[in-house]
């Protein structure tokens, strides 16, 4: 599977189209908005860039997983929030503008955080023999993640109408690619899949729950508004697993490293939906109780 043209060429092109679509939804104003809500952005970024990798590291150490799987979990933790976070935030009445801002900043930071955290993980878990993000591969990550976003933003600046027309097809394409690649990664390791899922299923589930919970409770601890807390939980909990899958399969050439992202891409939708309903119901109940005391 790793040697197929579909993975080597098709997957990076597919991700480039997805990141181009992300760029079409962004404007320079999304970056400028940071100045208007610096606290919310800082809290979310600290949770995502620093706390999440530490949580992922703690889980892979606690469960003593295979080195390649451990690298895959760390790569997943380093991957930015996905555009799907914007949709979930909208569904559960979060601050969508904050999500858009975070997605924009995360897409830029990912070009640095992914190679950094992945290389540290490769070294720590002694996976050097089979993996390695050398300088050329780091440039490949930057090209895959960052360049299409910039091109998408330029196109939107030239033609809002084209950006609006392209939004829906690119979103549908993103979902189809994610499902196809996740299934492909799982089928490609079908001889080992039961062992992998047994090994990584619980780790990935706990990581997703921890991400969603940390995003919400961390934001509330720093006295962000409820809408901002919902946005933060979705941004921190819903990862752009297509980025992680592309880097694992086409840059690192390892299906085993892709397994955590493939499993997470299924788990996160179920848990994010359940989490969204839970916090919405809790807030509605507390609001009704507050009104009954008035």
Protein backbone atom coordinates (compact mmCIF):
# COMPACT_ATOMS: atom_id res chain seq x y z
CA UNK A 1 0.00 0.00 0.00
CA UNK A 2 2.78 2.44 0.92
CA UNK A 3 4.35 2.17 -2.55
CA UNK A 4 1.19 2.91 -4.51
CA UNK A 5 0.99 6.06 -6.65
CA UNK A 6 -2.29 6.88 -4.92
CA UNK A 7 -0.51 7.40 -1.60
CA UNK A 8 2.75 8.84 -2.93
CA UNK A 9 1.18 11.38 -5.30
CA UNK A 10 -2.60 11.37 -4.90
CA UNK A 11 -2.75 11.95 -1.15
CA UNK A 12 -0.50 15.06 -1.01
CA UNK A 13 -2.45 16.51 -3.97
CA UNK A 14 -5.75 15.76 -2.21
CA UNK A 15 -4.49 17.42 0.99
CA UNK A 16 -3.25 20.42 -1.00
CA UNK A 17 -6.79 20.82 -2.43
CA UNK A 18 -8.25 20.57 1.09
CA UNK A 19 -5.80 23.16 2.45
CA UNK A 20 -6.53 25.37 -0.60
CA UNK A 21 -10.21 25.12 0.36
CA UNK A 22 -9.31 26.15 3.90
CA UNK A 23 -7.46 29.16 2.47
CA UNK A 24 -10.57 30.12 0.48
CA UNK A 25 -12.47 30.43 3.78
CA UNK A 26 -9.87 32.72 5.41
CA UNK A 27 -9.09 36.43 5.18
CA UNK A 28 -6.32 38.60 6.68
CA UNK A 29 -9.05 39.83 9.06
CA UNK A 30 -9.09 36.38 10.70
CA UNK A 31 -5.48 36.95 11.77
CA UNK A 32 -6.14 40.57 12.80
CA UNK A 33 -9.01 39.41 15.00
CA UNK A 34 -6.41 38.01 17.41
CA UNK A 35 -5.83 41.57 18.63
CA UNK A 36 -9.48 41.83 19.65
CA UNK A 37 -9.60 38.59 21.65
CA UNK A 38 -5.97 37.80 22.57
CA UNK A 39 -6.86 35.94 25.76
CA UNK A 40 -9.18 33.42 24.05
CA UNK A 41 -6.66 32.77 21.26
CA UNK A 42 -3.73 32.42 23.69
CA UNK A 43 -5.59 29.97 25.95
CA UNK A 44 -6.63 27.79 23.00
CA UNK A 45 -3.15 27.80 21.43
CA UNK A 46 -1.40 26.94 24.72
CA UNK A 47 -3.81 24.02 25.21
CA UNK A 48 -3.30 22.83 21.64
CA UNK A 49 0.43 23.40 21.19
CA UNK A 50 1.76 22.56 24.66
CA UNK A 51 -0.80 20.70 26.79
CA UNK A 52 -2.08 18.25 24.12
CA UNK A 53 1.36 16.85 23.19
CA UNK A 54 2.07 16.34 26.92
CA UNK A 55 -1.26 14.48 27.35
CA UNK A 56 -0.50 12.33 24.29
CA UNK A 57 3.01 11.58 25.59
CA UNK A 58 1.60 10.62 29.01
CA UNK A 59 -0.91 8.23 27.41
CA UNK A 60 1.58 6.43 25.14
CA UNK A 61 3.99 6.05 28.06
CA UNK A 62 1.24 4.82 30.42
CA UNK A 63 -0.01 2.23 27.90
CA UNK A 64 3.51 1.35 26.67
CA UNK A 65 2.47 1.22 23.01
CA UNK A 66 4.61 0.13 20.04
CA UNK A 67 7.18 2.85 19.04
CA UNK A 68 5.61 3.44 15.58
CA UNK A 69 2.14 3.75 17.13
CA UNK A 70 3.58 6.15 19.75
CA UNK A 71 5.03 8.34 16.96
CA UNK A 72 1.61 8.24 15.25
CA UNK A 73 -0.15 9.46 18.42
CA UNK A 74 2.37 12.30 18.82
CA UNK A 75 1.95 13.25 15.13
CA UNK A 76 -1.81 13.30 15.70
CA UNK A 77 -1.36 15.56 18.77
CA UNK A 78 0.79 17.96 16.69
CA UNK A 79 -1.75 18.19 13.86
CA UNK A 80 -3.84 21.37 13.74
CA UNK A 81 -7.55 21.66 14.40
CA UNK A 82 -9.65 20.81 11.38
CA UNK A 83 -12.17 22.97 9.53
CA UNK A 84 -14.81 20.52 10.81
CA UNK A 85 -14.30 22.20 14.20
CA UNK A 86 -15.96 25.31 12.71
CA UNK A 87 -19.02 23.26 11.75
CA UNK A 88 -19.29 21.59 15.17
CA UNK A 89 -18.83 24.93 16.90
CA UNK A 90 -21.68 26.35 14.82
CA UNK A 91 -23.92 23.35 15.61
CA UNK A 92 -23.39 23.70 19.37
CA UNK A 93 -23.52 27.52 19.46
CA UNK A 94 -19.82 28.21 19.90
CA UNK A 95 -17.89 31.30 18.82
CA UNK A 96 -17.33 30.37 15.16
CA UNK A 97 -15.27 33.52 14.49
CA UNK A 98 -12.81 32.33 17.16
CA UNK A 99 -12.65 28.91 15.45
CA UNK A 100 -11.89 30.48 12.09
CA UNK A 101 -9.13 32.60 13.67
CA UNK A 102 -7.63 29.57 15.47
CA UNK A 103 -7.79 27.43 12.32
CA UNK A 104 -5.92 30.14 10.41
CA UNK A 105 -3.18 30.49 13.05
CA UNK A 106 -2.94 26.71 13.60
CA UNK A 107 -2.42 26.10 9.88
CA UNK A 108 0.62 28.41 9.97
CA UNK A 109 2.03 27.03 13.26
CA UNK A 110 1.54 23.40 12.12
CA UNK A 111 4.29 23.83 9.55
CA UNK A 112 6.69 24.20 12.53
CA UNK A 113 4.98 22.14 15.27
CA UNK A 114 4.45 18.96 13.21
CA UNK A 115 8.13 18.45 12.20
CA UNK A 116 9.34 19.51 15.67
CA UNK A 117 7.09 17.22 17.73
CA UNK A 118 7.29 14.32 15.26
CA UNK A 119 11.11 14.42 15.15
CA UNK A 120 11.28 14.56 18.97
CA UNK A 121 8.95 11.54 19.13
CA UNK A 122 10.97 9.61 16.51
CA UNK A 123 14.14 10.22 18.53
CA UNK A 124 12.61 9.48 21.92
CA UNK A 125 10.82 6.28 20.90
CA UNK A 126 13.89 5.12 18.99
CA UNK A 127 12.12 4.86 15.61
CA UNK A 128 15.10 6.42 13.79
CA UNK A 129 15.80 3.29 11.79
CA UNK A 130 12.58 3.49 9.80
CA UNK A 131 11.51 7.13 10.07
CA UNK A 132 12.88 10.63 10.02
CA UNK A 133 11.74 14.09 8.99
CA UNK A 134 14.96 15.43 7.46
CA UNK A 135 15.16 18.99 6.17
CA UNK A 136 13.80 18.03 2.74
CA UNK A 137 10.80 16.32 4.31
CA UNK A 138 10.24 19.32 6.62
CA UNK A 139 10.04 21.50 3.50
CA UNK A 140 7.57 18.97 2.06
CA UNK A 141 5.36 19.38 5.16
CA UNK A 142 5.53 23.19 4.81
CA UNK A 143 4.62 22.91 1.11
CA UNK A 144 1.70 20.54 1.76
CA UNK A 145 0.27 22.50 4.71
CA UNK A 146 1.11 26.15 4.20
CA UNK A 147 1.46 26.97 0.49
CA UNK A 148 -2.09 25.88 -0.55
CA UNK A 149 -3.58 27.92 2.34
CA UNK A 150 -1.75 31.02 1.10
CA UNK A 151 -2.86 30.41 -2.50
CA UNK A 152 -6.47 29.93 -1.34
CA UNK A 153 -6.37 33.25 0.56
CA UNK A 154 -4.99 35.03 -2.52
CA UNK A 155 -7.74 33.55 -4.72
CA UNK A 156 -10.42 34.66 -2.26
CA UNK A 157 -8.95 38.16 -2.24
CA UNK A 158 -9.29 38.24 -6.03
CA UNK A 159 -12.73 36.58 -6.25
CA UNK A 160 -15.14 36.22 -3.34
CA UNK A 161 -17.70 34.65 -5.68
CA UNK A 162 -15.36 31.80 -6.67
CA UNK A 163 -14.43 31.20 -3.00
CA UNK A 164 -18.13 30.95 -2.08
CA UNK A 165 -18.88 28.52 -4.96
CA UNK A 166 -15.88 26.32 -4.16
CA UNK A 167 -16.61 26.03 -0.42
CA UNK A 168 -19.20 23.24 -0.53
CA UNK A 169 -17.45 21.00 -3.13
CA UNK A 170 -14.13 21.26 -1.23
CA UNK A 171 -15.84 20.34 2.08
CA UNK A 172 -17.47 17.28 0.47
CA UNK A 173 -14.15 16.34 -1.15
CA UNK A 174 -12.43 16.66 2.26
CA UNK A 175 -14.84 14.21 3.89
CA UNK A 176 -14.58 11.70 1.00
CA UNK A 177 -10.75 11.82 1.11
CA UNK A 178 -10.69 11.41 4.90
CA UNK A 179 -13.00 8.38 4.80
CA UNK A 180 -11.14 6.78 1.86
CA UNK A 181 -7.67 7.30 3.37
CA UNK A 182 -8.74 6.14 6.85
CA UNK A 183 -10.25 2.97 5.43
CA UNK A 184 -7.21 2.50 3.17
CA UNK A 185 -4.80 2.83 6.09
CA UNK A 186 -6.81 0.36 8.15
CA UNK A 187 -7.16 -2.15 5.27
CA UNK A 188 -3.48 -1.79 4.41
CA UNK A 189 -2.64 -3.15 7.86
CA UNK A 190 -5.52 -5.64 8.02
CA UNK A 191 -3.25 -8.46 9.25
CA UNK A 192 -2.28 -6.34 12.26
CA UNK A 193 -5.43 -4.24 12.58
CA UNK A 194 -6.97 -6.15 15.50
CA UNK A 195 -3.72 -5.79 17.47
CA UNK A 196 -3.37 -2.12 16.51
CA UNK A 197 -6.95 -1.23 17.44
CA UNK A 198 -6.60 -3.13 20.69
CA UNK A 199 -3.35 -1.25 21.35
CA UNK A 200 -4.37 2.22 20.18
CA UNK A 201 -8.18 2.25 20.44
CA UNK A 202 -8.31 3.06 24.15
CA UNK A 203 -5.38 5.49 23.94
CA UNK A 204 -7.00 7.39 21.06
CA UNK A 205 -10.42 7.44 22.76
CA UNK A 206 -8.94 8.76 26.00
CA UNK A 207 -6.90 11.32 24.05
CA UNK A 208 -10.02 12.58 22.25
CA UNK A 209 -12.02 12.82 25.49
CA UNK A 210 -9.11 14.59 27.20
CA UNK A 211 -8.77 17.04 24.26
CA UNK A 212 -12.47 17.99 24.27
CA UNK A 213 -12.63 18.25 28.07
CA UNK A 214 -9.39 20.22 28.38
CA UNK A 215 -10.53 22.62 25.67
CA UNK A 216 -13.78 23.38 27.47
CA UNK A 217 -12.70 23.33 31.13
CA UNK A 218 -9.38 25.09 30.39
CA UNK A 219 -11.25 27.93 28.66
CA UNK A 220 -13.76 28.20 31.53
CA UNK A 221 -10.96 28.19 34.13
CA UNK A 222 -9.51 31.25 32.40
CA UNK A 223 -12.98 32.86 32.50
CA UNK A 224 -13.65 32.80 28.79
CA UNK A 225 -17.29 33.06 27.73
CA UNK A 226 -19.26 29.84 27.27
CA UNK A 227 -19.34 30.35 23.48
CA UNK A 228 -15.55 30.73 23.45
CA UNK A 229 -15.17 27.60 25.63
CA UNK A 230 -17.28 25.55 23.17
CA UNK A 231 -15.21 26.89 20.25
CA UNK A 232 -11.97 26.02 22.08
CA UNK A 233 -13.13 22.49 22.94
CA UNK A 234 -14.02 21.76 19.32
CA UNK A 235 -10.80 23.31 17.98
CA UNK A 236 -8.64 21.35 20.44
CA UNK A 237 -10.63 18.09 20.13
CA UNK A 238 -11.22 17.89 16.37
CA UNK A 239 -7.92 17.44 14.55
CA UNK A 240 -7.15 17.73 10.86
CA UNK A 241 -6.44 14.00 10.65
CA UNK A 242 -5.94 14.23 6.88
CA UNK A 243 -2.72 16.17 7.57
CA UNK A 244 -1.51 13.46 9.99
CA UNK A 245 -2.47 10.67 7.55
CA UNK A 246 -0.72 12.36 4.62
CA UNK A 247 2.51 12.90 6.57
CA UNK A 248 2.46 9.34 7.95
CA UNK A 249 1.74 7.67 4.60
CA UNK A 250 3.44 9.82 1.98
CA UNK A 251 6.22 11.63 3.90
CA UNK A 252 7.20 9.03 6.52
CA UNK A 253 6.01 6.11 4.36
CA UNK A 254 4.58 4.21 7.34
CA UNK A 255 1.08 2.76 7.56
CA UNK A 256 1.63 1.88 11.24
CA UNK A 257 2.23 5.58 12.07
CA UNK A 258 -1.05 6.41 10.25
CA UNK A 259 -3.19 4.02 12.33
CA UNK A 260 -3.77 6.37 15.33
CA UNK A 261 -4.98 9.17 13.00
CA UNK A 262 -7.17 6.71 11.04
CA UNK A 263 -8.83 5.45 14.24
CA UNK A 264 -9.09 9.01 15.65
CA UNK A 265 -10.82 10.23 12.49
CA UNK A 266 -13.69 7.85 13.30
CA UNK A 267 -13.72 8.26 17.10
CA UNK A 268 -13.60 12.07 17.14
CA UNK A 269 -16.88 12.57 15.27
CA UNK A 270 -18.79 10.30 17.67
CA UNK A 271 -17.23 11.78 20.82
CA UNK A 272 -17.39 15.42 19.65
CA UNK A 273 -21.11 15.01 18.90
CA UNK A 274 -21.80 13.41 22.29
CA UNK A 275 -19.67 16.04 24.06
CA UNK A 276 -21.44 18.88 22.24
CA UNK A 277 -24.87 17.60 23.28
CA UNK A 278 -23.65 17.07 26.87
CA UNK A 279 -22.31 20.61 27.36
CA UNK A 280 -25.32 22.14 25.59
CA UNK A 281 -27.73 20.22 27.83
CA UNK A 282 -25.73 21.08 30.97
CA UNK A 283 -25.72 24.79 30.14
CA UNK A 284 -29.45 24.77 29.34
CA UNK A 285 -30.19 23.05 32.68
CA UNK A 286 -28.05 25.53 34.65
CA UNK A 287 -29.69 28.46 32.82
CA UNK A 288 -33.17 27.15 33.67
CA UNK A 289 -32.14 26.70 37.31
CA UNK A 290 -30.77 30.26 37.41
CA UNK A 291 -34.02 31.61 35.93
CA UNK A 292 -36.13 29.66 38.44
CA UNK A 293 -34.23 31.36 41.33
CA UNK A 294 -35.00 34.84 40.00
